[in-house]
């Protein structure tokens, strides 16, 4: 999961740089496409990471139940 954390941090840094580049101006079509792409990518990574964490959490509960039985 550390790779997922690194990718999330990377995507957030890219998003921050893009927002800084746009500044207080109005984003043009290219900026909007880049923002959309970054946000979709970040959403996908966060969704995957959440599923991975849920599976890890649930597997911990399964092993505890197996040991207790």
PDB file of N, CA and C in Angstrom:
ATOM      1  N   UNK A   1       0.813  -1.199   0.000  1.00  0.00           N
ATOM      2  CA  UNK A   1       0.000   0.000   0.000  1.00  0.00           C
ATOM      3  C   UNK A   1       0.854   1.261   0.000  1.00  0.00           C
ATOM      4  N   UNK A   2       2.125   1.142   0.354  1.00  0.00           N
ATOM      5  CA  UNK A   2       2.965   2.337   0.356  1.00  0.00           C
ATOM      6  C   UNK A   2       3.095   2.911  -1.051  1.00  0.00           C
ATOM      7  N   UNK A   3       3.012   2.058  -2.059  1.00  0.00           N
ATOM      8  CA  UNK A   3       3.042   2.551  -3.443  1.00  0.00           C
ATOM      9  C   UNK A   3       1.793   3.373  -3.743  1.00  0.00           C
ATOM     10  N   UNK A   4       0.670   2.944  -3.214  1.00  0.00           N
ATOM     11  CA  UNK A   4      -0.567   3.713  -3.400  1.00  0.00           C
ATOM     12  C   UNK A   4      -0.448   5.066  -2.720  1.00  0.00           C
ATOM     13  N   UNK A   5       0.137   5.090  -1.530  1.00  0.00           N
ATOM     14  CA  UNK A   5       0.319   6.368  -0.828  1.00  0.00           C
ATOM     15  C   UNK A   5       1.226   7.298  -1.631  1.00  0.00           C
ATOM     16  N   UNK A   6       2.282   6.742  -2.205  1.00  0.00           N
ATOM     17  CA  UNK A   6       3.202   7.552  -3.005  1.00  0.00           C
ATOM     18  C   UNK A   6       2.498   8.102  -4.244  1.00  0.00           C
ATOM     19  N   UNK A   7       1.678   7.288  -4.880  1.00  0.00           N
ATOM     20  CA  UNK A   7       0.950   7.734  -6.076  1.00  0.00           C
ATOM     21  C   UNK A   7      -0.078   8.804  -5.726  1.00  0.00           C
ATOM     22  N   UNK A   8      -0.752   8.648  -4.597  1.00  0.00           N
ATOM     23  CA  UNK A   8      -1.709   9.659  -4.152  1.00  0.00           C
ATOM     24  C   UNK A   8      -0.993  10.983  -3.907  1.00  0.00           C
ATOM     25  N   UNK A   9       0.135  10.932  -3.214  1.00  0.00           N
ATOM     26  CA  UNK A   9       0.913  12.149  -2.951  1.00  0.00           C
ATOM     27  C   UNK A   9       1.382  12.792  -4.252  1.00  0.00           C
ATOM     28  N   UNK A  10       1.804  11.970  -5.211  1.00  0.00           N
ATOM     29  CA  UNK A  10       2.261  12.475  -6.498  1.00  0.00           C
ATOM     30  C   UNK A  10       1.129  13.180  -7.243  1.00  0.00           C
ATOM     31  N   UNK A  11      -0.035  12.553  -7.278  1.00  0.00           N
ATOM     32  CA  UNK A  11      -1.174  13.149  -7.974  1.00  0.00           C
ATOM     33  C   UNK A  11      -1.622  14.454  -7.312  1.00  0.00           C
ATOM     34  N   UNK A  12      -1.603  14.497  -5.990  1.00  0.00           N
ATOM     35  CA  UNK A  12      -1.972  15.720  -5.274  1.00  0.00           C
ATOM     36  C   UNK A  12      -0.966  16.827  -5.566  1.00  0.00           C
ATOM     37  N   UNK A  13       0.318  16.476  -5.620  1.00  0.00           N
ATOM     38  CA  UNK A  13       1.346  17.476  -5.943  1.00  0.00           C
ATOM     39  C   UNK A  13       1.144  18.011  -7.363  1.00  0.00           C
ATOM     40  N   UNK A  14       0.828  17.126  -8.308  1.00  0.00           N
ATOM     41  CA  UNK A  14       0.554  17.563  -9.688  1.00  0.00           C
ATOM     42  C   UNK A  14      -0.644  18.501  -9.735  1.00  0.00           C
ATOM     43  N   UNK A  15      -1.682  18.156  -8.986  1.00  0.00           N
ATOM     44  CA  UNK A  15      -2.877  18.992  -8.929  1.00  0.00           C
ATOM     45  C   UNK A  15      -2.541  20.359  -8.344  1.00  0.00           C
ATOM     46  N   UNK A  16      -1.749  20.375  -7.284  1.00  0.00           N
ATOM     47  CA  UNK A  16      -1.337  21.640  -6.677  1.00  0.00           C
ATOM     48  C   UNK A  16      -0.547  22.512  -7.635  1.00  0.00           C
ATOM     49  N   UNK A  17       0.376  21.888  -8.389  1.00  0.00           N
ATOM     50  CA  UNK A  17       1.166  22.654  -9.366  1.00  0.00           C
ATOM     51  C   UNK A  17       0.278  23.232 -10.457  1.00  0.00           C
ATOM     52  N   UNK A  18      -0.684  22.443 -10.915  1.00  0.00           N
ATOM     53  CA  UNK A  18      -1.583  22.926 -11.959  1.00  0.00           C
ATOM     54  C   UNK A  18      -2.423  24.089 -11.450  1.00  0.00           C
ATOM     55  N   UNK A  19      -2.916  23.978 -10.248  1.00  0.00           N
ATOM     56  CA  UNK A  19      -3.711  25.069  -9.666  1.00  0.00           C
ATOM     57  C   UNK A  19      -2.859  26.322  -9.501  1.00  0.00           C
ATOM     58  N   UNK A  20      -1.605  26.158  -9.078  1.00  0.00           N
ATOM     59  CA  UNK A  20      -0.702  27.308  -8.963  1.00  0.00           C
ATOM     60  C   UNK A  20      -0.448  27.937 -10.328  1.00  0.00           C
ATOM     61  N   UNK A  21      -0.263  27.099 -11.340  1.00  0.00           N
ATOM     62  CA  UNK A  21      -0.022  27.609 -12.695  1.00  0.00           C
ATOM     63  C   UNK A  21      -1.224  28.405 -13.216  1.00  0.00           C
ATOM     64  N   UNK A  22      -2.415  27.932 -12.912  1.00  0.00           N
ATOM     65  CA  UNK A  22      -3.620  28.643 -13.343  1.00  0.00           C
ATOM     66  C   UNK A  22      -3.741  29.956 -12.590  1.00  0.00           C
ATOM     67  N   UNK A  23      -3.398  29.943 -11.312  1.00  0.00           N
ATOM     68  CA  UNK A  23      -3.451  31.161 -10.502  1.00  0.00           C
ATOM     69  C   UNK A  23      -4.867  31.665 -10.337  1.00  0.00           C
ATOM     70  N   UNK A  24      -4.996  32.970 -10.312  1.00  0.00           N
ATOM     71  CA  UNK A  24      -6.321  33.559 -10.122  1.00  0.00           C
ATOM     72  C   UNK A  24      -7.038  33.776 -11.451  1.00  0.00           C
ATOM     73  N   UNK A  25      -6.376  33.403 -12.534  1.00  0.00           N
ATOM     74  CA  UNK A  25      -6.991  33.558 -13.852  1.00  0.00           C
ATOM     75  C   UNK A  25      -8.043  32.494 -14.121  1.00  0.00           C
ATOM     76  N   UNK A  26      -8.706  32.640 -15.211  1.00  0.00           N
ATOM     77  CA  UNK A  26      -9.713  31.674 -15.631  1.00  0.00           C
ATOM     78  C   UNK A  26      -9.029  30.537 -16.373  1.00  0.00           C
ATOM     79  N   UNK A  27      -9.286  29.286 -15.980  1.00  0.00           N
ATOM     80  CA  UNK A  27      -8.653  28.167 -16.690  1.00  0.00           C
ATOM     81  C   UNK A  27      -9.173  28.062 -18.119  1.00  0.00           C
ATOM     82  N   UNK A  28      -8.259  27.776 -19.049  1.00  0.00           N
ATOM     83  CA  UNK A  28      -8.675  27.603 -20.442  1.00  0.00           C
ATOM     84  C   UNK A  28      -9.050  26.136 -20.674  1.00  0.00           C
ATOM     85  N   UNK A  29      -9.375  25.798 -21.892  1.00  0.00           N
ATOM     86  CA  UNK A  29      -9.809  24.442 -22.218  1.00  0.00           C
ATOM     87  C   UNK A  29      -8.779  23.385 -21.878  1.00  0.00           C
ATOM     88  N   UNK A  30      -7.522  23.700 -22.139  1.00  0.00           N
ATOM     89  CA  UNK A  30      -6.445  22.763 -21.829  1.00  0.00           C
ATOM     90  C   UNK A  30      -6.314  22.552 -20.321  1.00  0.00           C
ATOM     91  N   UNK A  31      -6.409  23.652 -19.561  1.00  0.00           N
ATOM     92  CA  UNK A  31      -6.348  23.554 -18.100  1.00  0.00           C
ATOM     93  C   UNK A  31      -7.494  22.702 -17.559  1.00  0.00           C
ATOM     94  N   UNK A  32      -8.684  22.914 -18.108  1.00  0.00           N
ATOM     95  CA  UNK A  32      -9.844  22.145 -17.666  1.00  0.00           C
ATOM     96  C   UNK A  32      -9.677  20.656 -17.975  1.00  0.00           C
ATOM     97  N   UNK A  33      -9.128  20.355 -19.136  1.00  0.00           N
ATOM     98  CA  UNK A  33      -8.884  18.955 -19.497  1.00  0.00           C
ATOM     99  C   UNK A  33      -7.862  18.334 -18.552  1.00  0.00           C
ATOM    100  N   UNK A  34      -6.796  19.082 -18.238  1.00  0.00           N
ATOM    101  CA  UNK A  34      -5.783  18.587 -17.303  1.00  0.00           C
ATOM    102  C   UNK A  34      -6.369  18.394 -15.902  1.00  0.00           C
ATOM    103  N   UNK A  35      -7.159  19.360 -15.446  1.00  0.00           N
ATOM    104  CA  UNK A  35      -7.801  19.238 -14.130  1.00  0.00           C
ATOM    105  C   UNK A  35      -8.717  18.019 -14.086  1.00  0.00           C
ATOM    106  N   UNK A  36      -9.519  17.863 -15.109  1.00  0.00           N
ATOM    107  CA  UNK A  36     -10.450  16.729 -15.172  1.00  0.00           C
ATOM    108  C   UNK A  36      -9.682  15.409 -15.141  1.00  0.00           C
ATOM    109  N   UNK A  37      -8.629  15.335 -15.927  1.00  0.00           N
ATOM    110  CA  UNK A  37      -7.820  14.119 -15.985  1.00  0.00           C
ATOM    111  C   UNK A  37      -7.204  13.799 -14.628  1.00  0.00           C
ATOM    112  N   UNK A  38      -6.628  14.807 -14.001  1.00  0.00           N
ATOM    113  CA  UNK A  38      -6.019  14.600 -12.687  1.00  0.00           C
ATOM    114  C   UNK A  38      -7.049  14.176 -11.645  1.00  0.00           C
ATOM    115  N   UNK A  39      -8.202  14.807 -11.660  1.00  0.00           N
ATOM    116  CA  UNK A  39      -9.232  14.480 -10.671  1.00  0.00           C
ATOM    117  C   UNK A  39      -9.792  13.076 -10.893  1.00  0.00           C
ATOM    118  N   UNK A  40     -10.000  12.687 -12.147  1.00  0.00           N
ATOM    119  CA  UNK A  40     -10.451  11.316 -12.416  1.00  0.00           C
ATOM    120  C   UNK A  40      -9.402  10.302 -11.970  1.00  0.00           C
ATOM    121  N   UNK A  41      -8.139  10.592 -12.268  1.00  0.00           N
ATOM    122  CA  UNK A  41      -7.056   9.696 -11.850  1.00  0.00           C
ATOM    123  C   UNK A  41      -6.949   9.594 -10.337  1.00  0.00           C
ATOM    124  N   UNK A  42      -7.037  10.726  -9.672  1.00  0.00           N
ATOM    125  CA  UNK A  42      -6.969  10.740  -8.209  1.00  0.00           C
ATOM    126  C   UNK A  42      -8.157   9.989  -7.617  1.00  0.00           C
ATOM    127  N   UNK A  43      -9.328  10.173  -8.182  1.00  0.00           N
ATOM    128  CA  UNK A  43     -10.516   9.460  -7.707  1.00  0.00           C
ATOM    129  C   UNK A  43     -10.329   7.949  -7.844  1.00  0.00           C
ATOM    130  N   UNK A  44      -9.798   7.509  -8.980  1.00  0.00           N
ATOM    131  CA  UNK A  44      -9.588   6.081  -9.210  1.00  0.00           C
ATOM    132  C   UNK A  44      -8.583   5.502  -8.221  1.00  0.00           C
ATOM    133  N   UNK A  45      -7.499   6.224  -7.997  1.00  0.00           N
ATOM    134  CA  UNK A  45      -6.475   5.739  -7.070  1.00  0.00           C
ATOM    135  C   UNK A  45      -7.020   5.690  -5.647  1.00  0.00           C
ATOM    136  N   UNK A  46      -7.750   6.717  -5.234  1.00  0.00           N
ATOM    137  CA  UNK A  46      -8.319   6.728  -3.892  1.00  0.00           C
ATOM    138  C   UNK A  46      -9.350   5.623  -3.712  1.00  0.00           C
ATOM    139  N   UNK A  47     -10.139   5.370  -4.733  1.00  0.00           N
ATOM    140  CA  UNK A  47     -11.144   4.308  -4.654  1.00  0.00           C
ATOM    141  C   UNK A  47     -10.453   2.945  -4.518  1.00  0.00           C
ATOM    142  N   UNK A  48      -9.433   2.704  -5.344  1.00  0.00           N
ATOM    143  CA  UNK A  48      -8.674   1.463  -5.261  1.00  0.00           C
ATOM    144  C   UNK A  48      -8.012   1.317  -3.896  1.00  0.00           C
ATOM    145  N   UNK A  49      -7.414   2.375  -3.426  1.00  0.00           N
ATOM    146  CA  UNK A  49      -6.717   2.333  -2.139  1.00  0.00           C
ATOM    147  C   UNK A  49      -7.687   2.045  -0.998  1.00  0.00           C
ATOM    148  N   UNK A  50      -8.869   2.628  -1.050  1.00  0.00           N
ATOM    149  CA  UNK A  50      -9.875   2.373  -0.019  1.00  0.00           C
ATOM    150  C   UNK A  50     -10.282   0.909  -0.018  1.00  0.00           C
ATOM    151  N   UNK A  51     -10.457   0.330  -1.199  1.00  0.00           N
ATOM    152  CA  UNK A  51     -10.801  -1.086  -1.292  1.00  0.00           C
ATOM    153  C   UNK A  51      -9.673  -1.944  -0.732  1.00  0.00           C
ATOM    154  N   UNK A  52      -8.434  -1.584  -1.042  1.00  0.00           N
ATOM    155  CA  UNK A  52      -7.294  -2.334  -0.516  1.00  0.00           C
ATOM    156  C   UNK A  52      -7.255  -2.270   1.006  1.00  0.00           C
ATOM    157  N   UNK A  53      -7.482  -1.089   1.561  1.00  0.00           N
ATOM    158  CA  UNK A  53      -7.480  -0.957   3.016  1.00  0.00           C
ATOM    159  C   UNK A  53      -8.628  -1.740   3.640  1.00  0.00           C
ATOM    160  N   UNK A  54      -9.793  -1.707   3.019  1.00  0.00           N
ATOM    161  CA  UNK A  54     -10.929  -2.475   3.527  1.00  0.00           C
ATOM    162  C   UNK A  54     -10.623  -3.971   3.530  1.00  0.00           C
ATOM    163  N   UNK A  55     -10.024  -4.458   2.450  1.00  0.00           N
ATOM    164  CA  UNK A  55      -9.674  -5.881   2.372  1.00  0.00           C
ATOM    165  C   UNK A  55      -8.659  -6.250   3.443  1.00  0.00           C
ATOM    166  N   UNK A  56      -7.674  -5.385   3.657  1.00  0.00           N
ATOM    167  CA  UNK A  56      -6.677  -5.636   4.688  1.00  0.00           C
ATOM    168  C   UNK A  56      -7.324  -5.659   6.061  1.00  0.00           C
ATOM    169  N   UNK A  57      -8.189  -4.697   6.322  1.00  0.00           N
ATOM    170  CA  UNK A  57      -8.887  -4.622   7.605  1.00  0.00           C
ATOM    171  C   UNK A  57      -9.747  -5.863   7.824  1.00  0.00           C
ATOM    172  N   UNK A  58     -10.500  -6.258   6.789  1.00  0.00           N
ATOM    173  CA  UNK A  58     -11.369  -7.423   6.924  1.00  0.00           C
ATOM    174  C   UNK A  58     -10.561  -8.703   7.098  1.00  0.00           C
ATOM    175  N   UNK A  59      -9.417  -8.783   6.433  1.00  0.00           N
ATOM    176  CA  UNK A  59      -8.596  -9.983   6.575  1.00  0.00           C
ATOM    177  C   UNK A  59      -8.022 -10.107   7.976  1.00  0.00           C
ATOM    178  N   UNK A  60      -7.774  -8.984   8.625  1.00  0.00           N
ATOM    179  CA  UNK A  60      -7.309  -9.020  10.011  1.00  0.00           C
ATOM    180  C   UNK A  60      -8.396  -9.595  10.925  1.00  0.00           C
ATOM    181  N   UNK A  61      -9.628  -9.210  10.666  1.00  0.00           N
ATOM    182  CA  UNK A  61     -10.732  -9.738  11.447  1.00  0.00           C
ATOM    183  C   UNK A  61     -10.917 -11.229  11.201  1.00  0.00           C
ATOM    184  N   UNK A  62     -10.737 -11.676   9.968  1.00  0.00           N
ATOM    185  CA  UNK A  62     -10.883 -13.094   9.640  1.00  0.00           C
ATOM    186  C   UNK A  62      -9.833 -13.929  10.355  1.00  0.00           C
ATOM    187  N   UNK A  63      -8.590 -13.454  10.388  1.00  0.00           N
ATOM    188  CA  UNK A  63      -7.524 -14.230  11.033  1.00  0.00           C
ATOM    189  C   UNK A  63      -7.728 -14.270  12.542  1.00  0.00           C
ATOM    190  N   UNK A  64      -8.265 -13.219  13.123  1.00  0.00           N
ATOM    191  CA  UNK A  64      -8.526 -13.198  14.550  1.00  0.00           C
ATOM    192  C   UNK A  64      -9.619 -14.200  14.888  1.00  0.00           C
ATOM    193  N   UNK A  65     -10.668 -14.263  14.058  1.00  0.00           N
ATOM    194  CA  UNK A  65     -11.741 -15.224  14.277  1.00  0.00           C
ATOM    195  C   UNK A  65     -11.233 -16.646  14.143  1.00  0.00           C
ATOM    196  N   UNK A  66     -10.369 -16.886  13.190  1.00  0.00           N
ATOM    197  CA  UNK A  66      -9.837 -18.226  12.975  1.00  0.00           C
ATOM    198  C   UNK A  66      -8.974 -18.676  14.150  1.00  0.00           C
ATOM    199  N   UNK A  67      -8.202 -17.754  14.725  1.00  0.00           N
ATOM    200  CA  UNK A  67      -7.353 -18.079  15.862  1.00  0.00           C
ATOM    201  C   UNK A  67      -8.208 -18.363  17.089  1.00  0.00           C
ATOM    202  N   UNK A  68      -9.281 -17.593  17.279  1.00  0.00           N
ATOM    203  CA  UNK A  68     -10.143 -17.760  18.445  1.00  0.00           C
ATOM    204  C   UNK A  68     -10.929 -19.062  18.376  1.00  0.00           C
ATOM    205  N   UNK A  69     -11.201 -19.558  17.164  1.00  0.00           N
ATOM    206  CA  UNK A  69     -12.021 -20.775  17.028  1.00  0.00           C
ATOM    207  C   UNK A  69     -11.248 -22.001  17.254  1.00  0.00           C
TER     208      UNK A  69
END
